[in-house]
C-alpha cells in the first residue's frame, strides 16, 4: 500500500495543481474580458477615426469653396474698381459737356450784345457819313 504521507503529498500536489488550474482559468477569463474590452475600445477608436476623416474631408471641401468665393470676390472687386474708374471718367466728361451747355446761353447773350453794339455803331457811322456827305455835296 502506498505510503500515507506520500499519498497526502500527492493529494496536496493535486489540490495545488487544481487551484493553479482554477487560477489560470480565472486569469484566462479575466484576459478574455480584457481582450473583449480592447476589441470594443478599438472599434470605438476606429469609428472615431472614420468620423474624423469625414470631418477633415468636409473641412477641406469647405476650405476649397471659401477659396473659390474669395477669388470671385477679388475679381468682383477689381471689376468694380474698373467700373468706378470708368464712371469717374464718364462723370468728368459729362461735367465738361455740362459746362459747355451751361455757357451757351451766356455766350449767345454776349454775341447778341456784340451784334447790337455793332449794328448801333454801324447805323450811327452810316448816318454820320450820310449826314456829312449830304452837307458837303450841296
N, C-alpha and C. Protein backbone atom coordinates (compact mmCIF):
# COMPACT_ATOMS: atom_id res chain seq x y z
N UNK A 1 0.83 -1.14 0.00
CA UNK A 1 0.00 0.00 0.00
C UNK A 1 0.89 1.22 0.00
N UNK A 2 0.43 2.18 -0.68
CA UNK A 2 1.30 3.34 -0.77
C UNK A 2 1.37 4.01 0.58
N UNK A 3 2.40 4.66 0.68
CA UNK A 3 2.69 5.38 1.91
C UNK A 3 1.69 6.52 2.08
N UNK A 4 1.14 6.62 3.25
CA UNK A 4 0.11 7.60 3.55
C UNK A 4 0.66 9.01 3.44
N UNK A 5 1.87 9.19 3.82
CA UNK A 5 2.47 10.52 3.75
C UNK A 5 2.67 10.92 2.31
N UNK A 6 3.09 9.97 1.49
CA UNK A 6 3.30 10.32 0.09
C UNK A 6 1.97 10.50 -0.60
N UNK A 7 0.95 9.74 -0.14
CA UNK A 7 -0.38 9.88 -0.71
C UNK A 7 -0.90 11.28 -0.38
N UNK A 8 -0.72 11.73 0.83
CA UNK A 8 -1.16 13.06 1.23
C UNK A 8 -0.40 14.12 0.47
N UNK A 9 0.86 13.88 0.22
CA UNK A 9 1.67 14.84 -0.53
C UNK A 9 1.17 14.94 -1.96
N UNK A 10 0.82 13.76 -2.54
CA UNK A 10 0.31 13.74 -3.91
C UNK A 10 -1.03 14.46 -3.95
N UNK A 11 -1.89 14.18 -2.96
CA UNK A 11 -3.18 14.85 -2.92
C UNK A 11 -2.99 16.36 -2.77
N UNK A 12 -2.06 16.74 -1.92
CA UNK A 12 -1.79 18.16 -1.74
C UNK A 12 -1.29 18.76 -3.04
N UNK A 13 -0.46 18.02 -3.74
CA UNK A 13 0.05 18.48 -5.02
C UNK A 13 -1.09 18.60 -6.03
N UNK A 14 -2.00 17.60 -6.01
CA UNK A 14 -3.15 17.63 -6.93
C UNK A 14 -4.01 18.85 -6.60
N UNK A 15 -4.23 19.11 -5.28
CA UNK A 15 -5.01 20.27 -4.88
C UNK A 15 -4.34 21.55 -5.35
N UNK A 16 -3.04 21.61 -5.20
CA UNK A 16 -2.30 22.79 -5.66
C UNK A 16 -2.43 22.97 -7.17
N UNK A 17 -2.36 21.86 -7.88
CA UNK A 17 -2.50 21.92 -9.35
C UNK A 17 -3.90 22.37 -9.71
N UNK A 18 -4.94 21.83 -9.00
CA UNK A 18 -6.32 22.24 -9.27
C UNK A 18 -6.50 23.73 -8.98
N UNK A 19 -5.92 24.18 -7.88
CA UNK A 19 -6.01 25.60 -7.55
C UNK A 19 -5.31 26.45 -8.62
N UNK A 20 -4.16 25.93 -9.08
CA UNK A 20 -3.45 26.64 -10.16
C UNK A 20 -4.29 26.68 -11.43
N UNK A 21 -4.97 25.54 -11.71
CA UNK A 21 -5.83 25.47 -12.90
C UNK A 21 -6.98 26.46 -12.76
N UNK A 22 -7.60 26.51 -11.56
CA UNK A 22 -8.70 27.45 -11.34
C UNK A 22 -8.17 28.89 -11.50
N UNK A 23 -6.99 29.15 -10.93
CA UNK A 23 -6.40 30.49 -11.03
C UNK A 23 -6.11 30.82 -12.50
N UNK A 24 -5.60 29.84 -13.25
CA UNK A 24 -5.33 30.07 -14.67
C UNK A 24 -6.62 30.30 -15.45
N UNK A 25 -7.64 29.50 -15.12
CA UNK A 25 -8.93 29.68 -15.81
C UNK A 25 -9.51 31.06 -15.50
N UNK A 26 -9.39 31.47 -14.21
CA UNK A 26 -9.87 32.81 -13.83
C UNK A 26 -9.06 33.88 -14.57
N UNK A 27 -7.75 33.67 -14.61
CA UNK A 27 -6.88 34.61 -15.32
C UNK A 27 -7.23 34.66 -16.80
N UNK A 28 -7.50 33.48 -17.38
CA UNK A 28 -7.87 33.44 -18.81
C UNK A 28 -9.21 34.13 -19.03
N UNK A 29 -10.14 33.93 -18.08
CA UNK A 29 -11.44 34.58 -18.18
C UNK A 29 -11.26 36.09 -18.09
N UNK A 30 -10.44 36.51 -17.13
CA UNK A 30 -10.16 37.94 -17.00
C UNK A 30 -9.46 38.47 -18.25
N UNK A 31 -8.53 37.68 -18.78
CA UNK A 31 -7.81 38.08 -20.00
C UNK A 31 -8.78 38.16 -21.17
N UNK A 32 -9.73 37.22 -21.23
CA UNK A 32 -10.73 37.24 -22.30
C UNK A 32 -11.59 38.49 -22.19
N UNK A 33 -11.99 38.86 -20.95
CA UNK A 33 -12.76 40.09 -20.75
C UNK A 33 -11.93 41.31 -21.14
N UNK A 34 -10.65 41.29 -20.78
CA UNK A 34 -9.75 42.39 -21.12
C UNK A 34 -9.63 42.53 -22.64
N UNK A 35 -9.43 41.41 -23.34
CA UNK A 35 -9.31 41.43 -24.80
C UNK A 35 -10.62 41.89 -25.42
N UNK A 36 -11.74 41.43 -24.87
CA UNK A 36 -13.05 41.86 -25.37
C UNK A 36 -13.20 43.37 -25.20
N UNK A 37 -12.77 43.88 -24.04
CA UNK A 37 -12.81 45.33 -23.81
C UNK A 37 -11.92 46.08 -24.78
N UNK A 38 -10.73 45.51 -25.06
CA UNK A 38 -9.83 46.13 -26.03
C UNK A 38 -10.46 46.15 -27.42
N UNK A 39 -11.14 45.05 -27.79
CA UNK A 39 -11.81 45.00 -29.09
C UNK A 39 -12.88 46.09 -29.20
N UNK A 40 -13.65 46.27 -28.11
CA UNK A 40 -14.68 47.31 -28.13
C UNK A 40 -14.04 48.69 -28.22
N UNK A 41 -12.96 48.89 -27.45
CA UNK A 41 -12.26 50.17 -27.48
C UNK A 41 -11.69 50.44 -28.86
N UNK A 42 -11.11 49.41 -29.48
CA UNK A 42 -10.56 49.57 -30.83
C UNK A 42 -11.67 49.89 -31.83
N UNK A 43 -12.83 49.24 -31.67
CA UNK A 43 -13.95 49.52 -32.57
C UNK A 43 -14.40 50.97 -32.41
N UNK A 44 -14.47 51.46 -31.16
CA UNK A 44 -14.85 52.86 -30.93
C UNK A 44 -13.84 53.81 -31.55
N UNK A 45 -12.55 53.48 -31.36
CA UNK A 45 -11.50 54.32 -31.93
C UNK A 45 -11.54 54.31 -33.46
N UNK A 46 -11.81 53.14 -34.03
CA UNK A 46 -11.94 53.06 -35.49
C UNK A 46 -13.07 53.95 -35.98
N UNK A 47 -14.20 53.93 -35.26
CA UNK A 47 -15.34 54.76 -35.64
C UNK A 47 -15.00 56.24 -35.50
N UNK A 48 -14.33 56.59 -34.40
CA UNK A 48 -13.92 57.99 -34.21
C UNK A 48 -12.95 58.44 -35.29
N UNK A 49 -12.03 57.58 -35.66
CA UNK A 49 -11.07 57.92 -36.72
C UNK A 49 -11.80 58.12 -38.04
N UNK A 50 -12.77 57.23 -38.32
CA UNK A 50 -13.54 57.34 -39.56
C UNK A 50 -14.30 58.67 -39.59
N UNK A 51 -14.96 59.02 -38.46
CA UNK A 51 -15.69 60.29 -38.40
C UNK A 51 -14.74 61.47 -38.52
N UNK A 52 -13.56 61.35 -37.93
CA UNK A 52 -12.58 62.43 -38.02
C UNK A 52 -12.13 62.66 -39.46
N UNK A 53 -11.90 61.57 -40.18
CA UNK A 53 -11.52 61.70 -41.59
C UNK A 53 -12.65 62.31 -42.41
N UNK A 54 -13.90 61.94 -42.08
CA UNK A 54 -15.03 62.54 -42.79
C UNK A 54 -15.10 64.04 -42.51
N UNK A 55 -14.87 64.44 -41.25
CA UNK A 55 -14.88 65.86 -40.91
C UNK A 55 -13.74 66.59 -41.61
N UNK A 56 -12.59 65.96 -41.68
CA UNK A 56 -11.44 66.58 -42.36
C UNK A 56 -11.78 66.78 -43.83
N UNK A 57 -12.40 65.78 -44.45
CA UNK A 57 -12.76 65.90 -45.87
C UNK A 57 -13.77 67.03 -46.07
N UNK A 58 -14.78 67.11 -45.17
CA UNK A 58 -15.75 68.19 -45.28
C UNK A 58 -15.08 69.54 -45.10
N UNK A 59 -14.16 69.61 -44.15
CA UNK A 59 -13.43 70.86 -43.91
C UNK A 59 -12.61 71.25 -45.13
N UNK A 60 -11.99 70.27 -45.76
CA UNK A 60 -11.21 70.56 -46.98
C UNK A 60 -12.12 71.07 -48.07
N UNK A 61 -13.31 70.45 -48.21
CA UNK A 61 -14.27 70.92 -49.23
C UNK A 61 -14.73 72.34 -48.93
N UNK A 62 -15.01 72.62 -47.65
CA UNK A 62 -15.41 73.98 -47.27
C UNK A 62 -14.29 74.98 -47.53
N UNK A 63 -13.07 74.57 -47.23
CA UNK A 63 -11.92 75.45 -47.47
C UNK A 63 -11.79 75.74 -48.96
N UNK A 64 -11.97 74.73 -49.79
CA UNK A 64 -11.91 74.94 -51.25
C UNK A 64 -13.01 75.90 -51.69
N UNK A 65 -14.21 75.70 -51.15
CA UNK A 65 -15.33 76.58 -51.52
C UNK A 65 -15.06 78.02 -51.07
N UNK A 66 -14.51 78.17 -49.87
CA UNK A 66 -14.19 79.52 -49.37
C UNK A 66 -13.12 80.17 -50.24
N UNK A 67 -12.14 79.39 -50.65
CA UNK A 67 -11.10 79.93 -51.53
C UNK A 67 -11.69 80.38 -52.85
N UNK A 68 -12.64 79.60 -53.39
CA UNK A 68 -13.30 79.99 -54.66
C UNK A 68 -14.07 81.29 -54.47
N UNK A 69 -14.82 81.38 -53.38
CA UNK A 69 -15.61 82.59 -53.12
C UNK A 69 -14.68 83.79 -52.95
N UNK A 70 -13.58 83.58 -52.24
CA UNK A 70 -12.62 84.67 -52.03
C UNK A 70 -12.06 85.14 -53.37
N UNK A 71 -11.72 84.20 -54.23
CA UNK A 71 -11.20 84.55 -55.55
C UNK A 71 -12.25 85.32 -56.35
N UNK A 72 -13.50 84.86 -56.30
CA UNK A 72 -14.58 85.54 -57.02
C UNK A 72 -14.77 86.96 -56.47
N UNK A 73 -14.66 87.11 -55.16
CA UNK A 73 -14.82 88.44 -54.56
C UNK A 73 -13.69 89.36 -55.01
N UNK A 74 -12.47 88.82 -55.06
CA UNK A 74 -11.35 89.65 -55.53
C UNK A 74 -11.57 90.10 -56.97
N UNK A 75 -12.00 89.17 -57.81
CA UNK A 75 -12.26 89.51 -59.22
C UNK A 75 -13.37 90.55 -59.30
N UNK A 76 -14.43 90.34 -58.50
CA UNK A 76 -15.55 91.27 -58.49
C UNK A 76 -15.10 92.66 -58.03
N UNK A 77 -14.26 92.70 -57.01
CA UNK A 77 -13.74 93.99 -56.53
C UNK A 77 -12.93 94.70 -57.60
N UNK A 78 -12.09 93.94 -58.32
CA UNK A 78 -11.30 94.55 -59.40
C UNK A 78 -12.22 95.08 -60.49
N UNK A 79 -13.26 94.31 -60.83
CA UNK A 79 -14.21 94.77 -61.84
C UNK A 79 -14.94 96.02 -61.37
N UNK A 80 -15.32 96.05 -60.10
CA UNK A 80 -15.99 97.23 -59.57
C UNK A 80 -15.07 98.44 -59.59
N UNK A 81 -13.79 98.23 -59.30
CA UNK A 81 -12.84 99.34 -59.36
C UNK A 81 -12.74 99.88 -60.80
N UNK A 82 -12.71 98.97 -61.77
CA UNK A 82 -12.66 99.40 -63.17
C UNK A 82 -13.92 100.16 -63.54
N UNK A 83 -15.07 99.66 -63.10
CA UNK A 83 -16.34 100.33 -63.40
C UNK A 83 -16.37 101.71 -62.73
N UNK A 84 -15.90 101.78 -61.49
CA UNK A 84 -15.86 103.06 -60.78
C UNK A 84 -14.96 104.05 -61.50
N UNK A 85 -13.82 103.59 -61.96
CA UNK A 85 -12.90 104.47 -62.70
C UNK A 85 -13.55 104.94 -64.00
N UNK A 86 -14.24 104.02 -64.69
CA UNK A 86 -14.93 104.41 -65.92
C UNK A 86 -16.03 105.43 -65.62
N UNK A 87 -16.75 105.22 -64.51
CA UNK A 87 -17.80 106.17 -64.13
C UNK A 87 -17.21 107.54 -63.80
N UNK A 88 -16.06 107.56 -63.13
CA UNK A 88 -15.42 108.84 -62.81
C UNK A 88 -15.04 109.57 -64.09
N UNK A 89 -14.44 108.82 -65.03
CA UNK A 89 -14.06 109.41 -66.31
C UNK A 89 -15.29 109.91 -67.04
N UNK A 90 -16.34 109.11 -67.05
CA UNK A 90 -17.59 109.49 -67.71
C UNK A 90 -18.18 110.72 -67.03
N UNK A 91 -18.13 110.77 -65.71
CA UNK A 91 -18.65 111.92 -64.97
C UNK A 91 -17.86 113.19 -65.32
N UNK A 92 -16.55 113.04 -65.43
CA UNK A 92 -15.73 114.20 -65.79
C UNK A 92 -16.11 114.69 -67.19
N UNK A 93 -16.32 113.75 -68.12
CA UNK A 93 -16.74 114.12 -69.47
C UNK A 93 -18.10 114.83 -69.43
N UNK A 94 -19.02 114.28 -68.64
CA UNK A 94 -20.35 114.89 -68.54
C UNK A 94 -20.26 116.27 -67.91
N UNK A 95 -19.40 116.42 -66.91
CA UNK A 95 -19.23 117.73 -66.29
C UNK A 95 -18.71 118.75 -67.29
N UNK A 96 -17.74 118.34 -68.11
CA UNK A 96 -17.19 119.25 -69.12
C UNK A 96 -18.27 119.63 -70.13
N UNK A 97 -19.06 118.65 -70.58
CA UNK A 97 -20.13 118.94 -71.53
C UNK A 97 -21.19 119.85 -70.91
N UNK A 98 -21.50 119.59 -69.64
CA UNK A 98 -22.50 120.40 -68.96
C UNK A 98 -22.04 121.85 -68.85
N UNK A 99 -20.78 122.07 -68.58
CA UNK A 99 -20.26 123.43 -68.51
C UNK A 99 -20.41 124.12 -69.85
N UNK A 100 -20.11 123.39 -70.94
CA UNK A 100 -20.24 123.97 -72.28
C UNK A 100 -21.70 124.34 -72.53
N UNK A 101 -22.62 123.41 -72.18
CA UNK A 101 -24.04 123.67 -72.42
C UNK A 101 -24.52 124.83 -71.55
N UNK A 102 -24.06 124.88 -70.30
CA UNK A 102 -24.47 125.98 -69.42
C UNK A 102 -23.94 127.32 -69.91
N UNK A 103 -22.78 127.33 -70.54
CA UNK A 103 -22.19 128.59 -71.02
C UNK A 103 -22.80 129.04 -72.34
N UNK A 104 -23.48 128.15 -73.02
CA UNK A 104 -24.05 128.52 -74.33
C UNK A 104 -25.01 129.70 -74.23
N UNK A 105 -25.96 129.73 -73.32
CA UNK A 105 -26.84 130.92 -73.25
C UNK A 105 -26.05 132.19 -72.93
N UNK A 106 -25.08 132.08 -72.06
CA UNK A 106 -24.27 133.26 -71.74
C UNK A 106 -23.49 133.70 -72.98
N UNK A 107 -22.95 132.77 -73.72
CA UNK A 107 -22.22 133.11 -74.94
C UNK A 107 -23.17 133.71 -75.98
N UNK A 108 -24.38 133.13 -76.07
CA UNK A 108 -25.36 133.68 -77.02
C UNK A 108 -25.72 135.11 -76.64
N UNK A 109 -25.92 135.36 -75.36
CA UNK A 109 -26.26 136.72 -74.92
C UNK A 109 -25.11 137.67 -75.22
N UNK A 110 -23.90 137.22 -74.99
CA UNK A 110 -22.73 138.05 -75.28
C UNK A 110 -22.65 138.35 -76.78
N UNK A 111 -22.93 137.32 -77.59
CA UNK A 111 -22.89 137.53 -79.04
C UNK A 111 -24.00 138.49 -79.48
N UNK A 112 -25.18 138.41 -78.85
CA UNK A 112 -26.27 139.33 -79.19
C UNK A 112 -25.89 140.76 -78.83
N UNK A 113 -25.27 140.90 -77.65
CA UNK A 113 -24.85 142.25 -77.25
C UNK A 113 -23.84 142.81 -78.24
N UNK A 114 -22.89 141.97 -78.64
CA UNK A 114 -21.91 142.44 -79.62
C UNK A 114 -22.59 142.80 -80.93
N UNK A 115 -23.57 142.00 -81.34
CA UNK A 115 -24.28 142.25 -82.58
C UNK A 115 -25.06 143.57 -82.49
N UNK A 116 -25.74 143.78 -81.36
CA UNK A 116 -26.50 145.03 -81.19
C UNK A 116 -25.54 146.22 -81.20
N UNK A 117 -24.43 146.09 -80.50
CA UNK A 117 -23.46 147.20 -80.47
C UNK A 117 -22.91 147.44 -81.87
N UNK A 118 -22.62 146.36 -82.59
CA UNK A 118 -22.11 146.51 -83.95
C UNK A 118 -23.14 147.18 -84.84
N UNK A 119 -24.40 146.77 -84.73
CA UNK A 119 -25.47 147.37 -85.55
C UNK A 119 -25.63 148.85 -85.20
N UNK A 120 -25.60 149.16 -83.90
CA UNK A 120 -25.76 150.56 -83.49
C UNK A 120 -24.59 151.39 -84.02
N UNK A 121 -23.36 150.86 -83.85
CA UNK A 121 -22.20 151.61 -84.33
C UNK A 121 -22.26 151.77 -85.84
N UNK A 122 -22.65 150.71 -86.54
CA UNK A 122 -22.75 150.78 -88.00
C UNK A 122 -23.81 151.79 -88.41
N UNK A 123 -24.95 151.77 -87.71
CA UNK A 123 -26.03 152.71 -88.05
C UNK A 123 -25.58 154.16 -87.81
N UNK A 124 -24.98 154.37 -86.66
CA UNK A 124 -24.51 155.72 -86.34
C UNK A 124 -23.45 156.19 -87.33
N UNK A 125 -22.52 155.28 -87.61
CA UNK A 125 -21.46 155.63 -88.56
C UNK A 125 -22.07 155.92 -89.93
N UNK A 126 -23.00 155.08 -90.39
CA UNK A 126 -23.60 155.33 -91.70
C UNK A 126 -24.42 156.62 -91.70
N UNK A 127 -25.14 156.86 -90.58
CA UNK A 127 -25.89 158.11 -90.50
C UNK A 127 -24.96 159.31 -90.52
N UNK A 128 -23.87 159.20 -89.80
CA UNK A 128 -22.93 160.32 -89.76
C UNK A 128 -22.29 160.51 -91.12
N UNK A 129 -21.93 159.43 -91.76
CA UNK A 129 -21.33 159.53 -93.09
C UNK A 129 -22.36 160.11 -94.06
N UNK A 130 -23.59 159.65 -93.95
CA UNK A 130 -24.65 160.18 -94.84
C UNK A 130 -24.89 161.66 -94.58
N UNK A 131 -24.90 162.05 -93.30
CA UNK A 131 -25.10 163.45 -92.97
C UNK A 131 -23.96 164.29 -93.50
N UNK A 132 -22.75 163.83 -93.30
CA UNK A 132 -21.58 164.57 -93.76
C UNK A 132 -21.62 164.66 -95.29
N UNK A 133 -21.93 163.62 -95.95
CA UNK A 133 -21.94 163.64 -97.42
C UNK A 133 -23.08 164.55 -97.94
N UNK A 134 -24.19 164.50 -97.24
CA UNK A 134 -25.29 165.33 -97.73
C UNK A 134 -25.01 166.83 -97.50
N UNK A 135 -24.31 167.17 -96.46
CA UNK A 135 -23.99 168.58 -96.22
C UNK A 135 -22.84 169.05 -97.10
N UNK A 136 -21.94 168.27 -97.44
CA UNK A 136 -20.83 168.68 -98.27
C UNK A 136 -21.17 168.63 -99.74
N UNK A 137 -22.11 167.86 -100.09
CA UNK A 137 -22.42 167.76 -101.50
C UNK A 137 -23.35 168.88 -101.91
N UNK A 138 -23.84 169.63 -101.12
CA UNK A 138 -24.70 170.74 -101.51
C UNK A 138 -23.94 171.89 -101.85
